[in-house]
């Protein structure tokens, strides 16, 4: 979701060119990889209603997804409709992360904590 706040309006380009992707935003309200490296309020982002970007862009259908059932319903709807762009705002816990991402973030944190040759 943090990355989408920087680039999400590019969905207007999709609409302009008649593209109809299904966009899934994993909304954990911040920068989860960075939270693993260093916790702090700078990892939080202002909460957006990503599912409402379709209204802003005057095209597409937005879905707010808070449960597994809602996810299945939104995906079924999106997969059955190739005429419209669909944006799924999938609400996650801020600490929800994959094992692989946790491993990568911890390695990065370890590397960042070591002095570099230039700083020695």
PDB file of N, CA and C in Angstrom:
ATOM      1  N   UNK A   1       0.811  -1.196   0.000  1.00  0.00           N
ATOM      2  CA  UNK A   1       0.000   0.000   0.000  1.00  0.00           C
ATOM      3  C   UNK A   1       0.854   1.259   0.000  1.00  0.00           C
ATOM      4  N   UNK A   2       1.980   1.236   0.672  1.00  0.00           N
ATOM      5  CA  UNK A   2       2.870   2.395   0.651  1.00  0.00           C
ATOM      6  C   UNK A   2       3.375   2.673  -0.755  1.00  0.00           C
ATOM      7  N   UNK A   3       3.769   1.639  -1.457  1.00  0.00           N
ATOM      8  CA  UNK A   3       4.238   1.808  -2.836  1.00  0.00           C
ATOM      9  C   UNK A   3       3.106   2.298  -3.734  1.00  0.00           C
ATOM     10  N   UNK A   4       1.905   1.799  -3.506  1.00  0.00           N
ATOM     11  CA  UNK A   4       0.770   2.220  -4.328  1.00  0.00           C
ATOM     12  C   UNK A   4       0.498   3.710  -4.160  1.00  0.00           C
ATOM     13  N   UNK A   5       0.735   4.244  -2.969  1.00  0.00           N
ATOM     14  CA  UNK A   5       0.512   5.677  -2.767  1.00  0.00           C
ATOM     15  C   UNK A   5       1.448   6.510  -3.638  1.00  0.00           C
ATOM     16  N   UNK A   6       2.585   5.944  -4.012  1.00  0.00           N
ATOM     17  CA  UNK A   6       3.531   6.681  -4.855  1.00  0.00           C
ATOM     18  C   UNK A   6       3.229   6.522  -6.343  1.00  0.00           C
ATOM     19  N   UNK A   7       2.581   5.423  -6.737  1.00  0.00           N
ATOM     20  CA  UNK A   7       2.452   5.119  -8.165  1.00  0.00           C
ATOM     21  C   UNK A   7       1.039   4.772  -8.620  1.00  0.00           C
ATOM     22  N   UNK A   8       0.095   4.679  -7.712  1.00  0.00           N
ATOM     23  CA  UNK A   8      -1.234   4.158  -8.022  1.00  0.00           C
ATOM     24  C   UNK A   8      -2.028   4.915  -9.066  1.00  0.00           C
ATOM     25  N   UNK A   9      -1.797   6.210  -9.184  1.00  0.00           N
ATOM     26  CA  UNK A   9      -2.573   6.954 -10.177  1.00  0.00           C
ATOM     27  C   UNK A   9      -2.208   6.578 -11.609  1.00  0.00           C
ATOM     28  N   UNK A  10      -1.164   5.768 -11.778  1.00  0.00           N
ATOM     29  CA  UNK A  10      -0.841   5.251 -13.112  1.00  0.00           C
ATOM     30  C   UNK A  10      -1.941   4.331 -13.639  1.00  0.00           C
ATOM     31  N   UNK A  11      -2.873   3.941 -12.762  1.00  0.00           N
ATOM     32  CA  UNK A  11      -4.023   3.177 -13.251  1.00  0.00           C
ATOM     33  C   UNK A  11      -4.792   3.972 -14.298  1.00  0.00           C
ATOM     34  N   UNK A  12      -4.690   5.294 -14.260  1.00  0.00           N
ATOM     35  CA  UNK A  12      -5.324   6.125 -15.284  1.00  0.00           C
ATOM     36  C   UNK A  12      -4.772   5.788 -16.666  1.00  0.00           C
ATOM     37  N   UNK A  13      -3.499   5.438 -16.737  1.00  0.00           N
ATOM     38  CA  UNK A  13      -2.896   5.036 -18.014  1.00  0.00           C
ATOM     39  C   UNK A  13      -3.538   3.751 -18.514  1.00  0.00           C
ATOM     40  N   UNK A  14      -3.787   2.808 -17.609  1.00  0.00           N
ATOM     41  CA  UNK A  14      -4.476   1.568 -17.995  1.00  0.00           C
ATOM     42  C   UNK A  14      -5.838   1.890 -18.589  1.00  0.00           C
ATOM     43  N   UNK A  15      -6.587   2.739 -17.915  1.00  0.00           N
ATOM     44  CA  UNK A  15      -7.918   3.099 -18.399  1.00  0.00           C
ATOM     45  C   UNK A  15      -7.845   3.794 -19.749  1.00  0.00           C
ATOM     46  N   UNK A  16      -6.897   4.695 -19.907  1.00  0.00           N
ATOM     47  CA  UNK A  16      -6.755   5.431 -21.163  1.00  0.00           C
ATOM     48  C   UNK A  16      -6.483   4.493 -22.330  1.00  0.00           C
ATOM     49  N   UNK A  17      -5.764   3.411 -22.069  1.00  0.00           N
ATOM     50  CA  UNK A  17      -5.421   2.459 -23.131  1.00  0.00           C
ATOM     51  C   UNK A  17      -6.357   1.253 -23.177  1.00  0.00           C
ATOM     52  N   UNK A  18      -7.454   1.313 -22.432  1.00  0.00           N
ATOM     53  CA  UNK A  18      -8.444   0.249 -22.482  1.00  0.00           C
ATOM     54  C   UNK A  18      -8.028  -1.044 -21.803  1.00  0.00           C
ATOM     55  N   UNK A  19      -7.061  -0.973 -20.926  1.00  0.00           N
ATOM     56  CA  UNK A  19      -6.599  -2.158 -20.198  1.00  0.00           C
ATOM     57  C   UNK A  19      -7.498  -2.384 -18.985  1.00  0.00           C
ATOM     58  N   UNK A  20      -7.706  -3.644 -18.634  1.00  0.00           N
ATOM     59  CA  UNK A  20      -8.601  -3.955 -17.515  1.00  0.00           C
ATOM     60  C   UNK A  20      -7.959  -4.950 -16.545  1.00  0.00           C
ATOM     61  N   UNK A  21      -6.868  -4.561 -15.896  1.00  0.00           N
ATOM     62  CA  UNK A  21      -6.217  -5.490 -14.963  1.00  0.00           C
ATOM     63  C   UNK A  21      -7.009  -5.659 -13.667  1.00  0.00           C
ATOM     64  N   UNK A  22      -6.648  -6.693 -12.940  1.00  0.00           N
ATOM     65  CA  UNK A  22      -7.103  -6.871 -11.566  1.00  0.00           C
ATOM     66  C   UNK A  22      -5.918  -6.481 -10.693  1.00  0.00           C
ATOM     67  N   UNK A  23      -6.086  -5.445  -9.887  1.00  0.00           N
ATOM     68  CA  UNK A  23      -5.009  -4.928  -9.046  1.00  0.00           C
ATOM     69  C   UNK A  23      -5.344  -5.254  -7.593  1.00  0.00           C
ATOM     70  N   UNK A  24      -4.439  -5.962  -6.945  1.00  0.00           N
ATOM     71  CA  UNK A  24      -4.636  -6.343  -5.553  1.00  0.00           C
ATOM     72  C   UNK A  24      -3.648  -5.563  -4.691  1.00  0.00           C
ATOM     73  N   UNK A  25      -4.167  -4.741  -3.782  1.00  0.00           N
ATOM     74  CA  UNK A  25      -3.329  -3.958  -2.884  1.00  0.00           C
ATOM     75  C   UNK A  25      -3.371  -4.621  -1.514  1.00  0.00           C
ATOM     76  N   UNK A  26      -2.225  -5.090  -1.065  1.00  0.00           N
ATOM     77  CA  UNK A  26      -2.125  -5.713   0.256  1.00  0.00           C
ATOM     78  C   UNK A  26      -1.930  -4.593   1.272  1.00  0.00           C
ATOM     79  N   UNK A  27      -3.015  -4.175   1.863  1.00  0.00           N
ATOM     80  CA  UNK A  27      -3.063  -2.976   2.696  1.00  0.00           C
ATOM     81  C   UNK A  27      -2.747  -3.310   4.154  1.00  0.00           C
ATOM     82  N   UNK A  28      -1.470  -3.167   4.503  1.00  0.00           N
ATOM     83  CA  UNK A  28      -1.044  -3.380   5.896  1.00  0.00           C
ATOM     84  C   UNK A  28      -0.696  -2.052   6.563  1.00  0.00           C
ATOM     85  N   UNK A  29      -1.149  -0.974   5.950  1.00  0.00           N
ATOM     86  CA  UNK A  29      -1.037   0.375   6.495  1.00  0.00           C
ATOM     87  C   UNK A  29       0.400   0.848   6.711  1.00  0.00           C
ATOM     88  N   UNK A  30       1.285   0.424   5.816  1.00  0.00           N
ATOM     89  CA  UNK A  30       2.644   0.928   5.947  1.00  0.00           C
ATOM     90  C   UNK A  30       3.673   0.109   5.213  1.00  0.00           C
ATOM     91  N   UNK A  31       4.903   0.320   5.595  1.00  0.00           N
ATOM     92  CA  UNK A  31       6.057  -0.330   4.983  1.00  0.00           C
ATOM     93  C   UNK A  31       6.493  -1.495   5.863  1.00  0.00           C
ATOM     94  N   UNK A  32       5.987  -2.686   5.557  1.00  0.00           N
ATOM     95  CA  UNK A  32       6.208  -3.849   6.417  1.00  0.00           C
ATOM     96  C   UNK A  32       7.658  -4.306   6.412  1.00  0.00           C
ATOM     97  N   UNK A  33       8.307  -4.294   5.260  1.00  0.00           N
ATOM     98  CA  UNK A  33       9.712  -4.709   5.211  1.00  0.00           C
ATOM     99  C   UNK A  33      10.544  -3.804   6.107  1.00  0.00           C
ATOM    100  N   UNK A  34      10.303  -2.502   6.001  1.00  0.00           N
ATOM    101  CA  UNK A  34      11.054  -1.547   6.806  1.00  0.00           C
ATOM    102  C   UNK A  34      10.742  -1.693   8.293  1.00  0.00           C
ATOM    103  N   UNK A  35       9.506  -2.065   8.623  1.00  0.00           N
ATOM    104  CA  UNK A  35       9.158  -2.280  10.036  1.00  0.00           C
ATOM    105  C   UNK A  35      10.015  -3.380  10.643  1.00  0.00           C
ATOM    106  N   UNK A  36      10.336  -4.379   9.850  1.00  0.00           N
ATOM    107  CA  UNK A  36      11.176  -5.482  10.335  1.00  0.00           C
ATOM    108  C   UNK A  36      12.594  -4.982  10.610  1.00  0.00           C
ATOM    109  N   UNK A  37      13.047  -4.011   9.838  1.00  0.00           N
ATOM    110  CA  UNK A  37      14.406  -3.483   9.977  1.00  0.00           C
ATOM    111  C   UNK A  37      14.493  -2.512  11.153  1.00  0.00           C
ATOM    112  N   UNK A  38      13.556  -1.560  11.208  1.00  0.00           N
ATOM    113  CA  UNK A  38      13.563  -0.545  12.263  1.00  0.00           C
ATOM    114  C   UNK A  38      12.134  -0.068  12.488  1.00  0.00           C
ATOM    115  N   UNK A  39      11.605  -0.367  13.647  1.00  0.00           N
ATOM    116  CA  UNK A  39      10.228   0.022  13.976  1.00  0.00           C
ATOM    117  C   UNK A  39      10.171   1.518  14.249  1.00  0.00           C
ATOM    118  N   UNK A  40       9.108   2.144  13.797  1.00  0.00           N
ATOM    119  CA  UNK A  40       8.910   3.564  14.062  1.00  0.00           C
ATOM    120  C   UNK A  40       7.722   4.097  13.293  1.00  0.00           C
ATOM    121  N   UNK A  41       7.208   5.252  13.691  1.00  0.00           N
ATOM    122  CA  UNK A  41       6.026   5.818  13.041  1.00  0.00           C
ATOM    123  C   UNK A  41       6.262   6.208  11.584  1.00  0.00           C
ATOM    124  N   UNK A  42       7.518   6.343  11.185  1.00  0.00           N
ATOM    125  CA  UNK A  42       7.845   6.684   9.803  1.00  0.00           C
ATOM    126  C   UNK A  42       7.499   5.546   8.843  1.00  0.00           C
ATOM    127  N   UNK A  43       7.205   4.367   9.367  1.00  0.00           N
ATOM    128  CA  UNK A  43       6.808   3.234   8.527  1.00  0.00           C
ATOM    129  C   UNK A  43       5.304   3.188   8.284  1.00  0.00           C
ATOM    130  N   UNK A  44       4.560   4.053   8.947  1.00  0.00           N
ATOM    131  CA  UNK A  44       3.113   4.088   8.772  1.00  0.00           C
ATOM    132  C   UNK A  44       2.762   5.053   7.646  1.00  0.00           C
ATOM    133  N   UNK A  45       1.717   4.720   6.896  1.00  0.00           N
ATOM    134  CA  UNK A  45       1.252   5.615   5.838  1.00  0.00           C
ATOM    135  C   UNK A  45      -0.153   6.095   6.187  1.00  0.00           C
ATOM    136  N   UNK A  46      -0.508   7.244   5.659  1.00  0.00           N
ATOM    137  CA  UNK A  46      -1.863   7.758   5.841  1.00  0.00           C
ATOM    138  C   UNK A  46      -2.828   6.779   5.187  1.00  0.00           C
ATOM    139  N   UNK A  47      -3.876   6.413   5.901  1.00  0.00           N
ATOM    140  CA  UNK A  47      -4.788   5.401   5.372  1.00  0.00           C
ATOM    141  C   UNK A  47      -5.623   5.947   4.221  1.00  0.00           C
ATOM    142  N   UNK A  48      -5.570   5.235   3.109  1.00  0.00           N
ATOM    143  CA  UNK A  48      -6.365   5.556   1.930  1.00  0.00           C
ATOM    144  C   UNK A  48      -7.454   4.513   1.770  1.00  0.00           C
ATOM    145  N   UNK A  49      -8.536   4.897   1.133  1.00  0.00           N
ATOM    146  CA  UNK A  49      -9.553   3.947   0.695  1.00  0.00           C
ATOM    147  C   UNK A  49      -9.192   3.578  -0.745  1.00  0.00           C
ATOM    148  N   UNK A  50      -8.246   2.669  -0.892  1.00  0.00           N
ATOM    149  CA  UNK A  50      -7.735   2.293  -2.213  1.00  0.00           C
ATOM    150  C   UNK A  50      -8.842   1.807  -3.130  1.00  0.00           C
ATOM    151  N   UNK A  51      -9.868   1.186  -2.562  1.00  0.00           N
ATOM    152  CA  UNK A  51     -10.979   0.693  -3.371  1.00  0.00           C
ATOM    153  C   UNK A  51     -11.767   1.835  -4.010  1.00  0.00           C
ATOM    154  N   UNK A  52     -11.604   3.054  -3.521  1.00  0.00           N
ATOM    155  CA  UNK A  52     -12.328   4.189  -4.088  1.00  0.00           C
ATOM    156  C   UNK A  52     -11.548   4.920  -5.178  1.00  0.00           C
ATOM    157  N   UNK A  53     -10.354   4.447  -5.518  1.00  0.00           N
ATOM    158  CA  UNK A  53      -9.582   5.112  -6.571  1.00  0.00           C
ATOM    159  C   UNK A  53     -10.297   5.028  -7.915  1.00  0.00           C
ATOM    160  N   UNK A  54     -11.114   3.999  -8.081  1.00  0.00           N
ATOM    161  CA  UNK A  54     -11.862   3.867  -9.335  1.00  0.00           C
ATOM    162  C   UNK A  54     -12.826   5.038  -9.524  1.00  0.00           C
ATOM    163  N   UNK A  55     -13.393   5.541  -8.437  1.00  0.00           N
ATOM    164  CA  UNK A  55     -14.261   6.723  -8.509  1.00  0.00           C
ATOM    165  C   UNK A  55     -13.435   7.941  -8.904  1.00  0.00           C
ATOM    166  N   UNK A  56     -12.280   8.101  -8.284  1.00  0.00           N
ATOM    167  CA  UNK A  56     -11.389   9.215  -8.603  1.00  0.00           C
ATOM    168  C   UNK A  56     -10.999   9.201 -10.081  1.00  0.00           C
ATOM    169  N   UNK A  57     -10.699   8.016 -10.601  1.00  0.00           N
ATOM    170  CA  UNK A  57     -10.235   7.885 -11.984  1.00  0.00           C
ATOM    171  C   UNK A  57     -11.378   7.781 -12.986  1.00  0.00           C
ATOM    172  N   UNK A  58     -12.613   7.740 -12.482  1.00  0.00           N
ATOM    173  CA  UNK A  58     -13.793   7.630 -13.330  1.00  0.00           C
ATOM    174  C   UNK A  58     -13.755   6.372 -14.194  1.00  0.00           C
ATOM    175  N   UNK A  59     -13.377   5.260 -13.570  1.00  0.00           N
ATOM    176  CA  UNK A  59     -13.361   3.994 -14.292  1.00  0.00           C
ATOM    177  C   UNK A  59     -12.936   2.856 -13.396  1.00  0.00           C
ATOM    178  N   UNK A  60     -13.529   1.700 -13.613  1.00  0.00           N
ATOM    179  CA  UNK A  60     -13.169   0.521 -12.846  1.00  0.00           C
ATOM    180  C   UNK A  60     -14.103   0.291 -11.669  1.00  0.00           C
ATOM    181  N   UNK A  61     -13.848  -0.813 -10.982  1.00  0.00           N
ATOM    182  CA  UNK A  61     -14.673  -1.219  -9.847  1.00  0.00           C
ATOM    183  C   UNK A  61     -13.749  -1.520  -8.671  1.00  0.00           C
ATOM    184  N   UNK A  62     -14.045  -0.929  -7.535  1.00  0.00           N
ATOM    185  CA  UNK A  62     -13.238  -1.140  -6.338  1.00  0.00           C
ATOM    186  C   UNK A  62     -13.922  -2.079  -5.363  1.00  0.00           C
ATOM    187  N   UNK A  63     -13.123  -2.851  -4.650  1.00  0.00           N
ATOM    188  CA  UNK A  63     -13.617  -3.803  -3.654  1.00  0.00           C
ATOM    189  C   UNK A  63     -12.822  -3.620  -2.366  1.00  0.00           C
ATOM    190  N   UNK A  64     -13.514  -3.467  -1.248  1.00  0.00           N
ATOM    191  CA  UNK A  64     -12.848  -3.457   0.059  1.00  0.00           C
ATOM    192  C   UNK A  64     -12.977  -4.866   0.621  1.00  0.00           C
ATOM    193  N   UNK A  65     -11.851  -5.501   0.928  1.00  0.00           N
ATOM    194  CA  UNK A  65     -11.822  -6.911   1.319  1.00  0.00           C
ATOM    195  C   UNK A  65     -11.273  -7.028   2.739  1.00  0.00           C
ATOM    196  N   UNK A  66     -12.117  -7.497   3.654  1.00  0.00           N
ATOM    197  CA  UNK A  66     -11.693  -7.629   5.050  1.00  0.00           C
ATOM    198  C   UNK A  66     -11.762  -9.059   5.560  1.00  0.00           C
ATOM    199  N   UNK A  67     -12.371  -9.964   4.792  1.00  0.00           N
ATOM    200  CA  UNK A  67     -12.488 -11.365   5.207  1.00  0.00           C
ATOM    201  C   UNK A  67     -12.148 -12.268   4.029  1.00  0.00           C
ATOM    202  N   UNK A  68     -11.890 -13.541   4.325  1.00  0.00           N
ATOM    203  CA  UNK A  68     -11.608 -14.492   3.254  1.00  0.00           C
ATOM    204  C   UNK A  68     -12.811 -14.620   2.322  1.00  0.00           C
ATOM    205  N   UNK A  69     -14.010 -14.650   2.884  1.00  0.00           N
ATOM    206  CA  UNK A  69     -15.219 -14.734   2.065  1.00  0.00           C
ATOM    207  C   UNK A  69     -15.355 -13.550   1.126  1.00  0.00           C
ATOM    208  N   UNK A  70     -15.060 -12.350   1.632  1.00  0.00           N
ATOM    209  CA  UNK A  70     -15.112 -11.148   0.795  1.00  0.00           C
ATOM    210  C   UNK A  70     -14.042 -11.199  -0.291  1.00  0.00           C
ATOM    211  N   UNK A  71     -12.881 -11.786   0.032  1.00  0.00           N
ATOM    212  CA  UNK A  71     -11.818 -11.934  -0.965  1.00  0.00           C
ATOM    213  C   UNK A  71     -12.278 -12.844  -2.102  1.00  0.00           C
ATOM    214  N   UNK A  72     -12.850 -13.978  -1.753  1.00  0.00           N
ATOM    215  CA  UNK A  72     -13.334 -14.921  -2.772  1.00  0.00           C
ATOM    216  C   UNK A  72     -14.396 -14.251  -3.641  1.00  0.00           C
ATOM    217  N   UNK A  73     -15.316 -13.542  -3.015  1.00  0.00           N
ATOM    218  CA  UNK A  73     -16.380 -12.866  -3.755  1.00  0.00           C
ATOM    219  C   UNK A  73     -15.805 -11.796  -4.694  1.00  0.00           C
ATOM    220  N   UNK A  74     -14.867 -11.000  -4.207  1.00  0.00           N
ATOM    221  CA  UNK A  74     -14.259  -9.951  -5.034  1.00  0.00           C
ATOM    222  C   UNK A  74     -13.482 -10.552  -6.199  1.00  0.00           C
ATOM    223  N   UNK A  75     -12.719 -11.610  -5.941  1.00  0.00           N
ATOM    224  CA  UNK A  75     -11.963 -12.261  -7.020  1.00  0.00           C
ATOM    225  C   UNK A  75     -12.899 -12.885  -8.048  1.00  0.00           C
ATOM    226  N   UNK A  76     -13.954 -13.541  -7.588  1.00  0.00           N
ATOM    227  CA  UNK A  76     -14.929 -14.123  -8.519  1.00  0.00           C
ATOM    228  C   UNK A  76     -15.538 -13.040  -9.401  1.00  0.00           C
ATOM    229  N   UNK A  77     -15.902 -11.918  -8.788  1.00  0.00           N
ATOM    230  CA  UNK A  77     -16.481 -10.800  -9.528  1.00  0.00           C
ATOM    231  C   UNK A  77     -15.492 -10.243 -10.551  1.00  0.00           C
ATOM    232  N   UNK A  78     -14.255 -10.052 -10.124  1.00  0.00           N
ATOM    233  CA  UNK A  78     -13.230  -9.496 -11.014  1.00  0.00           C
ATOM    234  C   UNK A  78     -12.901 -10.449 -12.163  1.00  0.00           C
ATOM    235  N   UNK A  79     -12.780 -11.729 -11.854  1.00  0.00           N
ATOM    236  CA  UNK A  79     -12.443 -12.716 -12.891  1.00  0.00           C
ATOM    237  C   UNK A  79     -13.571 -12.874 -13.914  1.00  0.00           C
ATOM    238  N   UNK A  80     -14.806 -12.639 -13.492  1.00  0.00           N
ATOM    239  CA  UNK A  80     -15.950 -12.785 -14.393  1.00  0.00           C
ATOM    240  C   UNK A  80     -16.189 -11.533 -15.242  1.00  0.00           C
ATOM    241  N   UNK A  81     -15.451 -10.470 -14.990  1.00  0.00           N
ATOM    242  CA  UNK A  81     -15.691  -9.186 -15.655  1.00  0.00           C
ATOM    243  C   UNK A  81     -14.421  -8.689 -16.333  1.00  0.00           C
ATOM    244  N   UNK A  82     -14.292  -8.974 -17.608  1.00  0.00           N
ATOM    245  CA  UNK A  82     -13.099  -8.524 -18.342  1.00  0.00           C
ATOM    246  C   UNK A  82     -13.295  -7.136 -18.946  1.00  0.00           C
ATOM    247  N   UNK A  83     -14.435  -6.523 -18.690  1.00  0.00           N
ATOM    248  CA  UNK A  83     -14.729  -5.203 -19.251  1.00  0.00           C
ATOM    249  C   UNK A  83     -14.215  -4.057 -18.380  1.00  0.00           C
ATOM    250  N   UNK A  84     -13.940  -4.346 -17.104  1.00  0.00           N
ATOM    251  CA  UNK A  84     -13.558  -3.280 -16.176  1.00  0.00           C
ATOM    252  C   UNK A  84     -12.263  -3.610 -15.432  1.00  0.00           C
ATOM    253  N   UNK A  85     -11.530  -2.580 -15.112  1.00  0.00           N
ATOM    254  CA  UNK A  85     -10.413  -2.673 -14.182  1.00  0.00           C
ATOM    255  C   UNK A  85     -11.011  -2.921 -12.796  1.00  0.00           C
ATOM    256  N   UNK A  86     -10.375  -3.770 -12.000  1.00  0.00           N
ATOM    257  CA  UNK A  86     -10.832  -4.028 -10.631  1.00  0.00           C
ATOM    258  C   UNK A  86      -9.680  -3.769  -9.666  1.00  0.00           C
ATOM    259  N   UNK A  87      -9.965  -3.071  -8.579  1.00  0.00           N
ATOM    260  CA  UNK A  87      -8.980  -2.812  -7.531  1.00  0.00           C
ATOM    261  C   UNK A  87      -9.481  -3.462  -6.248  1.00  0.00           C
ATOM    262  N   UNK A  88      -8.690  -4.387  -5.712  1.00  0.00           N
ATOM    263  CA  UNK A  88      -9.026  -5.055  -4.454  1.00  0.00           C
ATOM    264  C   UNK A  88      -8.167  -4.465  -3.345  1.00  0.00           C
ATOM    265  N   UNK A  89      -8.802  -3.819  -2.395  1.00  0.00           N
ATOM    266  CA  UNK A  89      -8.136  -3.250  -1.228  1.00  0.00           C
ATOM    267  C   UNK A  89      -8.212  -4.312  -0.130  1.00  0.00           C
ATOM    268  N   UNK A  90      -7.175  -5.143  -0.035  1.00  0.00           N
ATOM    269  CA  UNK A  90      -7.163  -6.282   0.885  1.00  0.00           C
ATOM    270  C   UNK A  90      -6.561  -5.831   2.216  1.00  0.00           C
ATOM    271  N   UNK A  91      -7.396  -5.735   3.239  1.00  0.00           N
ATOM    272  CA  UNK A  91      -6.987  -5.231   4.549  1.00  0.00           C
ATOM    273  C   UNK A  91      -6.252  -6.332   5.317  1.00  0.00           C
ATOM    274  N   UNK A  92      -5.019  -6.037   5.721  1.00  0.00           N
ATOM    275  CA  UNK A  92      -4.193  -6.983   6.477  1.00  0.00           C
ATOM    276  C   UNK A  92      -3.744  -6.352   7.793  1.00  0.00           C
ATOM    277  N   UNK A  93      -3.354  -7.192   8.714  1.00  0.00           N
ATOM    278  CA  UNK A  93      -2.746  -6.718   9.948  1.00  0.00           C
ATOM    279  C   UNK A  93      -1.372  -6.128   9.613  1.00  0.00           C
ATOM    280  N   UNK A  94      -0.987  -5.013  10.224  1.00  0.00           N
ATOM    281  CA  UNK A  94       0.326  -4.425   9.933  1.00  0.00           C
ATOM    282  C   UNK A  94       1.504  -5.378  10.152  1.00  0.00           C
ATOM    283  N   UNK A  95       1.351  -6.374  10.993  1.00  0.00           N
ATOM    284  CA  UNK A  95       2.438  -7.327  11.257  1.00  0.00           C
ATOM    285  C   UNK A  95       2.356  -8.564  10.363  1.00  0.00           C
ATOM    286  N   UNK A  96       1.350  -8.646   9.507  1.00  0.00           N
ATOM    287  CA  UNK A  96       1.184  -9.809   8.640  1.00  0.00           C
ATOM    288  C   UNK A  96       2.245  -9.777   7.541  1.00  0.00           C
ATOM    289  N   UNK A  97       3.078 -10.803   7.509  1.00  0.00           N
ATOM    290  CA  UNK A  97       4.139 -10.868   6.496  1.00  0.00           C
ATOM    291  C   UNK A  97       4.504 -12.324   6.252  1.00  0.00           C
ATOM    292  N   UNK A  98       5.002 -12.587   5.081  1.00  0.00           N
ATOM    293  CA  UNK A  98       5.402 -13.953   4.744  1.00  0.00           C
ATOM    294  C   UNK A  98       6.725 -14.294   5.422  1.00  0.00           C
ATOM    295  N   UNK A  99       6.978 -15.583   5.549  1.00  0.00           N
ATOM    296  CA  UNK A  99       8.246 -16.051   6.117  1.00  0.00           C
ATOM    297  C   UNK A  99       9.409 -15.584   5.252  1.00  0.00           C
ATOM    298  N   UNK A 100       9.234 -15.672   3.936  1.00  0.00           N
ATOM    299  CA  UNK A 100      10.309 -15.262   3.017  1.00  0.00           C
ATOM    300  C   UNK A 100      10.619 -13.775   3.168  1.00  0.00           C
ATOM    301  N   UNK A 101       9.587 -12.938   3.266  1.00  0.00           N
ATOM    302  CA  UNK A 101       9.830 -11.512   3.412  1.00  0.00           C
ATOM    303  C   UNK A 101      10.506 -11.197   4.741  1.00  0.00           C
ATOM    304  N   UNK A 102      10.113 -11.891   5.786  1.00  0.00           N
ATOM    305  CA  UNK A 102      10.749 -11.697   7.090  1.00  0.00           C
ATOM    306  C   UNK A 102      12.227 -12.053   7.012  1.00  0.00           C
ATOM    307  N   UNK A 103      12.546 -13.149   6.339  1.00  0.00           N
ATOM    308  CA  UNK A 103      13.938 -13.580   6.182  1.00  0.00           C
ATOM    309  C   UNK A 103      14.751 -12.530   5.430  1.00  0.00           C
ATOM    310  N   UNK A 104      14.207 -12.030   4.320  1.00  0.00           N
ATOM    311  CA  UNK A 104      14.915 -11.016   3.530  1.00  0.00           C
ATOM    312  C   UNK A 104      15.115  -9.743   4.351  1.00  0.00           C
ATOM    313  N   UNK A 105      14.076  -9.307   5.055  1.00  0.00           N
ATOM    314  CA  UNK A 105      14.177  -8.078   5.853  1.00  0.00           C
ATOM    315  C   UNK A 105      15.208  -8.225   6.963  1.00  0.00           C
ATOM    316  N   UNK A 106      15.255  -9.375   7.594  1.00  0.00           N
ATOM    317  CA  UNK A 106      16.242  -9.583   8.670  1.00  0.00           C
ATOM    318  C   UNK A 106      17.662  -9.585   8.122  1.00  0.00           C
ATOM    319  N   UNK A 107      17.849 -10.186   6.956  1.00  0.00           N
ATOM    320  CA  UNK A 107      19.192 -10.161   6.337  1.00  0.00           C
ATOM    321  C   UNK A 107      19.591  -8.736   5.982  1.00  0.00           C
ATOM    322  N   UNK A 108      18.644  -7.994   5.455  1.00  0.00           N
ATOM    323  CA  UNK A 108      18.926  -6.603   5.112  1.00  0.00           C
ATOM    324  C   UNK A 108      19.244  -5.794   6.366  1.00  0.00           C
ATOM    325  N   UNK A 109      18.480  -6.001   7.433  1.00  0.00           N
ATOM    326  CA  UNK A 109      18.739  -5.292   8.694  1.00  0.00           C
ATOM    327  C   UNK A 109      20.132  -5.613   9.216  1.00  0.00           C
ATOM    328  N   UNK A 110      20.509  -6.882   9.137  1.00  0.00           N
ATOM    329  CA  UNK A 110      21.838  -7.287   9.598  1.00  0.00           C
ATOM    330  C   UNK A 110      22.920  -6.614   8.762  1.00  0.00           C
ATOM    331  N   UNK A 111      22.714  -6.598   7.460  1.00  0.00           N
ATOM    332  CA  UNK A 111      23.700  -5.978   6.566  1.00  0.00           C
ATOM    333  C   UNK A 111      23.811  -4.475   6.830  1.00  0.00           C
ATOM    334  N   UNK A 112      22.686  -3.830   7.057  1.00  0.00           N
ATOM    335  CA  UNK A 112      22.699  -2.386   7.309  1.00  0.00           C
ATOM    336  C   UNK A 112      23.346  -2.033   8.641  1.00  0.00           C
ATOM    337  N   UNK A 113      23.346  -2.967   9.584  1.00  0.00           N
ATOM    338  CA  UNK A 113      23.936  -2.689  10.898  1.00  0.00           C
ATOM    339  C   UNK A 113      25.452  -2.872  10.909  1.00  0.00           C
ATOM    340  N   UNK A 114      26.001  -3.457   9.846  1.00  0.00           N
ATOM    341  CA  UNK A 114      27.453  -3.651   9.770  1.00  0.00           C
ATOM    342  C   UNK A 114      28.095  -2.401   9.191  1.00  0.00           C
ATOM    343  N   UNK A 115      29.241  -2.007   9.723  1.00  0.00           N
ATOM    344  CA  UNK A 115      29.910  -0.825   9.164  1.00  0.00           C
ATOM    345  C   UNK A 115      30.405  -1.111   7.749  1.00  0.00           C
ATOM    346  N   UNK A 116      30.206  -0.143   6.873  1.00  0.00           N
ATOM    347  CA  UNK A 116      30.698  -0.300   5.505  1.00  0.00           C
ATOM    348  C   UNK A 116      32.163   0.119   5.457  1.00  0.00           C
ATOM    349  N   UNK A 117      32.920  -0.361   4.467  1.00  0.00           N
ATOM    350  CA  UNK A 117      34.340   0.013   4.355  1.00  0.00           C
ATOM    351  C   UNK A 117      34.530   1.525   4.232  1.00  0.00           C
ATOM    352  N   UNK A 118      33.569   2.218   3.581  1.00  0.00           N
ATOM    353  CA  UNK A 118      33.693   3.669   3.413  1.00  0.00           C
ATOM    354  C   UNK A 118      33.565   4.402   4.740  1.00  0.00           C
ATOM    355  N   UNK A 119      32.789   3.828   5.694  1.00  0.00           N
ATOM    356  CA  UNK A 119      32.555   4.491   6.980  1.00  0.00           C
ATOM    357  C   UNK A 119      33.600   4.113   8.017  1.00  0.00           C
ATOM    358  N   UNK A 120      34.415   3.137   7.739  1.00  0.00           N
ATOM    359  CA  UNK A 120      35.406   2.675   8.729  1.00  0.00           C
ATOM    360  C   UNK A 120      36.627   3.548   8.735  1.00  0.00           C
TER     361      UNK A 120
END
